[in-house]
Structure formats: C-alpha cells, structure tokens
Amino acid sequence: LYLACNSKFSVMKKNTKQILSVLQVATWIIFIGLCIKAGAILFSFLVSLFIDPAGAKNLYLELNLYALKDYSTFHYVRLGSLLVLLWILKAYLFYFVIKIFLKINFVHPFSTEIAALILKISYVALAIGVFSVTGNAYAEWLTEESVVLPVLDEHLGGGAEYLFFAGIIYFIAQIFNKGIEIQSENELTV
C-alpha cells in the first residue's frame, strides 16, 4: 500500500510539473501576444494622430474609429488612449504572472514576494475592470451623441469579469498572507 501511494504521488508530482511547464509557456505566449497587440494599437493610433488621419479607419484588426476622429479629435484621443492603456495593463497583468512562475518555490511557496505579486495582480485586474467599465460607458455616451462607433466589446472587454477576478485574486492574496504567517510560525517551532 505504501509503495502504491508513493508511486501515485510521484506520478501526480510529475504531472503537476508538466502542467506547470505548459502553463508557463502559455503565459509567455499570451504575454508576448498582448505586448504585440498593445504596441500595434499604440503605433497605429499615433500614426493616425500625427501622420495619416485616414489611419483611424483601421487601427488594429479592422477597428474603425474614423467617424469618432471626424467628430472630435479630443474624444478620439481619449478613447484611443483608453484602448492603448487597457492592452498595456493586460500585458502588465501577465508580466506579474510570469514573475510568479519565475519566483515561486514549491518547497516553501508562501513568501512575501509572491504575496506582493498576487496583490499587484489584483490591483491591475481592478484597474482593467474600472477602465473597461468606464470605456464602455464612454462609448455608449458617444453613441448617444450620434457618433457611429463599431462594436468595441472585443477591444474594451467586459469590465465586470475583471472586477470579479480582482476580488477573487485579492482574497487569494489575503489567504497567502495567512499562509506566510503559518509558515513563519512553523519555522520558529522547528
């Protein structure tokens, strides 16, 4: 029975390492993709502002904000800046996830550094949620002002999901802090 349990544990440990390796690679791929998307939107946004105003017709993946730019450059800059900021924040969130993968020690997983990274993830997710909700409300207001806007759901995202995610991650950060306290107490008693 002992050998059966021990071999089962080693198989689970091996599977866990493989899953974590796959997750780490996927996180890097997503991070690089988000950086490329943020850079592409930023570059095309700046080109449409300073070089070719017609560039607003296809900012990124057929995102057409030309009607908004024609209506008001001020509102175009505000919405364009919000879109760029959202994609940068999403990339930043995955940057913190990558840092967790690089810093975590599975022998003693509860460290103040990991807890701080988890807390930062919750703050960035909160910012993404707030900016998404604000951006959607702003786009809705512009539509009420008779500005023809494309559907921005793909670019602005759903803010409610990120707000919920921020709450869950904040809760996990608090649990991690409690784990740090317990781990410290255990080290002192040994």
Protein backbone atom coordinates (compact mmCIF):
# COMPACT_ATOMS: atom_id res chain seq x y z
CA LEU A 1 0.00 0.00 0.00
CA TYR A 2 2.85 2.36 0.89
CA LEU A 3 4.57 1.72 -2.46
CA ALA A 4 1.31 2.17 -4.37
CA CYS A 5 0.62 5.51 -2.66
CA ASN A 6 4.21 6.63 -3.11
CA SER A 7 4.23 5.82 -6.85
CA LYS A 8 0.86 7.52 -7.27
CA PHE A 9 2.24 10.62 -5.53
CA SER A 10 5.32 10.69 -7.80
CA VAL A 11 3.10 10.40 -10.92
CA MET A 12 0.97 13.29 -9.63
CA LYS A 13 4.11 15.30 -8.94
CA LYS A 14 5.40 14.63 -12.47
CA ASN A 15 2.01 15.57 -13.99
CA THR A 16 1.94 18.75 -11.93
CA LYS A 17 5.39 19.76 -13.17
CA GLN A 18 4.32 19.11 -16.77
CA ILE A 19 1.12 21.11 -16.34
CA LEU A 20 3.04 23.99 -14.75
CA SER A 21 5.55 23.95 -17.61
CA VAL A 22 2.74 24.10 -20.17
CA LEU A 23 1.08 26.94 -18.22
CA GLN A 24 4.34 28.85 -18.06
CA VAL A 25 4.84 28.56 -21.84
CA ALA A 26 1.22 29.57 -22.46
CA THR A 27 1.64 32.57 -20.16
CA TRP A 28 4.71 33.69 -22.09
CA ILE A 29 2.86 33.31 -25.40
CA ILE A 30 -0.12 35.31 -24.12
CA PHE A 31 2.18 37.99 -22.67
CA ILE A 32 4.05 38.38 -25.97
CA GLY A 33 0.76 38.48 -27.90
CA LEU A 34 -0.64 41.17 -25.61
CA CYS A 35 2.56 43.22 -25.93
CA ILE A 36 2.34 42.98 -29.73
CA LYS A 37 -1.33 43.98 -29.69
CA ALA A 38 -0.70 46.92 -27.33
CA GLY A 39 2.24 48.04 -29.46
CA ALA A 40 0.28 47.72 -32.70
CA ILE A 41 -2.65 49.73 -31.36
CA LEU A 42 -0.31 52.37 -29.92
CA PHE A 43 1.68 52.65 -33.15
CA SER A 44 -1.37 52.85 -35.41
CA PHE A 45 -3.06 55.29 -33.02
CA LEU A 46 -0.03 57.61 -33.09
CA VAL A 47 0.22 57.32 -36.88
CA SER A 48 -3.45 58.26 -37.21
CA LEU A 49 -2.90 61.28 -34.96
CA PHE A 50 0.31 62.70 -36.38
CA ILE A 51 0.95 61.27 -39.85
CA ASP A 52 -2.15 59.98 -41.63
CA PRO A 53 -5.62 60.75 -40.23
CA ALA A 54 -7.09 58.07 -42.51
CA GLY A 55 -5.23 55.53 -40.36
CA ALA A 56 -8.14 55.80 -37.93
CA LYS A 57 -10.15 53.69 -40.41
CA ASN A 58 -8.13 50.60 -39.50
CA LEU A 59 -6.36 50.98 -36.18
CA TYR A 60 -5.98 47.29 -35.45
CA LEU A 61 -7.88 44.28 -36.76
CA GLU A 62 -10.31 46.50 -38.67
CA LEU A 63 -11.06 48.76 -35.68
CA ASN A 64 -12.55 51.79 -37.43
CA LEU A 65 -12.69 54.94 -35.30
CA TYR A 66 -12.59 57.35 -38.24
CA ALA A 67 -16.12 58.63 -37.54
CA LEU A 68 -15.07 59.45 -33.98
CA LYS A 69 -11.91 61.22 -35.18
CA ASP A 70 -14.00 63.16 -37.67
CA TYR A 71 -16.48 64.07 -34.91
CA SER A 72 -13.88 65.20 -32.36
CA THR A 73 -10.13 64.72 -32.09
CA PHE A 74 -10.42 65.23 -28.33
CA HIS A 75 -12.82 62.27 -27.93
CA TYR A 76 -10.73 60.22 -30.37
CA VAL A 77 -7.61 60.78 -28.27
CA ARG A 78 -9.47 59.90 -25.07
CA LEU A 79 -10.94 56.66 -26.41
CA GLY A 80 -7.77 55.70 -28.26
CA SER A 81 -5.65 56.31 -25.16
CA LEU A 82 -8.06 54.21 -23.12
CA LEU A 83 -7.76 51.33 -25.59
CA VAL A 84 -3.96 51.51 -25.51
CA LEU A 85 -3.94 51.70 -21.71
CA LEU A 86 -6.21 48.65 -21.41
CA TRP A 87 -3.98 46.48 -23.59
CA ILE A 88 -0.86 47.65 -21.77
CA LEU A 89 -2.49 46.80 -18.42
CA LYS A 90 -3.48 43.35 -19.69
CA ALA A 91 0.11 42.70 -20.74
CA TYR A 92 1.30 44.01 -17.37
CA LEU A 93 -1.02 41.57 -15.59
CA PHE A 94 0.58 38.65 -17.43
CA TYR A 95 4.01 40.07 -16.65
CA PHE A 96 3.24 39.59 -12.95
CA VAL A 97 2.03 36.03 -13.62
CA ILE A 98 5.35 35.30 -15.35
CA LYS A 99 7.22 36.74 -12.36
CA ILE A 100 5.29 34.39 -10.07
CA PHE A 101 6.31 31.40 -12.21
CA LEU A 102 9.94 32.52 -12.05
CA LYS A 103 10.00 33.24 -8.30
CA ILE A 104 7.82 30.57 -6.71
CA ASN A 105 9.47 27.93 -4.59
CA PHE A 106 7.24 24.87 -4.20
CA VAL A 107 9.06 23.69 -1.08
CA HIS A 108 8.18 26.93 0.73
CA PRO A 109 5.55 28.54 -1.50
CA PHE A 110 4.39 31.19 0.94
CA SER A 111 6.73 34.14 0.58
CA THR A 112 6.16 37.86 0.93
CA GLU A 113 7.43 38.37 -2.61
CA ILE A 114 4.80 36.02 -4.10
CA ALA A 115 2.09 37.54 -1.90
CA ALA A 116 3.07 41.02 -3.13
CA LEU A 117 2.89 39.84 -6.76
CA ILE A 118 -0.55 38.31 -6.22
CA LEU A 119 -1.73 41.56 -4.63
CA LYS A 120 -0.35 43.53 -7.61
CA ILE A 121 -2.25 41.23 -9.97
CA SER A 122 -5.47 42.04 -8.09
CA TYR A 123 -4.78 45.79 -8.35
CA VAL A 124 -4.02 45.59 -12.08
CA ALA A 125 -7.17 43.48 -12.65
CA LEU A 126 -9.16 46.10 -10.71
CA ALA A 127 -7.72 48.86 -12.89
CA ILE A 128 -8.56 46.91 -16.05
CA GLY A 129 -12.11 46.39 -14.80
CA VAL A 130 -12.61 50.04 -13.90
CA PHE A 131 -11.16 51.29 -17.20
CA SER A 132 -13.23 48.75 -19.18
CA VAL A 133 -16.46 49.78 -17.48
CA THR A 134 -15.56 53.46 -17.93
CA GLY A 135 -14.65 52.90 -21.58
CA ASN A 136 -17.89 51.06 -22.32
CA ALA A 137 -19.91 53.82 -20.65
CA TYR A 138 -17.95 56.45 -22.59
CA ALA A 139 -18.51 54.62 -25.89
CA GLU A 140 -22.21 54.32 -25.08
CA TRP A 141 -22.38 58.06 -24.35
CA LEU A 142 -20.63 58.84 -27.65
CA THR A 143 -23.14 56.63 -29.46
CA GLU A 144 -25.97 58.60 -27.83
CA GLU A 145 -24.29 61.75 -29.17
CA SER A 146 -24.80 60.31 -32.69
CA VAL A 147 -21.23 59.14 -33.21
CA VAL A 148 -21.08 55.97 -35.27
CA LEU A 149 -18.80 53.56 -33.43
CA PRO A 150 -18.03 49.92 -34.17
CA VAL A 151 -18.73 47.30 -31.56
CA LEU A 152 -15.89 47.76 -29.07
CA ASP A 153 -16.53 44.69 -26.91
CA GLU A 154 -13.50 42.87 -28.31
CA HIS A 155 -11.23 45.83 -27.60
CA LEU A 156 -12.65 47.22 -24.36
CA GLY A 157 -13.61 43.86 -22.90
CA GLY A 158 -16.05 43.19 -20.14
CA GLY A 159 -15.17 45.14 -17.06
CA ALA A 160 -17.38 43.12 -14.73
CA GLU A 161 -15.29 39.98 -15.29
CA TYR A 162 -12.09 41.77 -14.35
CA LEU A 163 -13.71 43.35 -11.29
CA PHE A 164 -14.82 39.91 -10.14
CA PHE A 165 -11.37 38.49 -10.95
CA ALA A 166 -9.73 41.29 -8.94
CA GLY A 167 -11.88 40.42 -5.92
CA ILE A 168 -11.02 36.73 -6.11
CA ILE A 169 -7.30 37.40 -6.52
CA TYR A 170 -7.35 39.87 -3.63
CA PHE A 171 -8.96 37.17 -1.49
CA ILE A 172 -6.26 34.69 -2.56
CA ALA A 173 -3.59 37.28 -1.65
CA GLN A 174 -5.07 37.50 1.85
CA ILE A 175 -5.02 33.71 2.16
CA PHE A 176 -1.40 33.77 1.00
CA ASN A 177 -0.56 36.31 3.72
CA LYS A 178 -2.13 33.98 6.29
CA GLY A 179 -0.06 31.12 4.84
CA ILE A 180 3.08 33.23 5.31
CA GLU A 181 2.19 33.73 8.98
CA ILE A 182 1.61 29.99 9.50
CA GLN A 183 4.79 29.06 7.62
CA SER A 184 6.78 31.53 9.76
CA GLU A 185 5.32 30.10 12.95
CA ASN A 186 6.18 26.55 11.80
CA GLU A 187 9.77 27.57 11.04
CA LEU A 188 10.09 29.12 14.51
CA THR A 189 8.82 25.99 16.26
CA VAL A 190 11.24 23.68 14.45
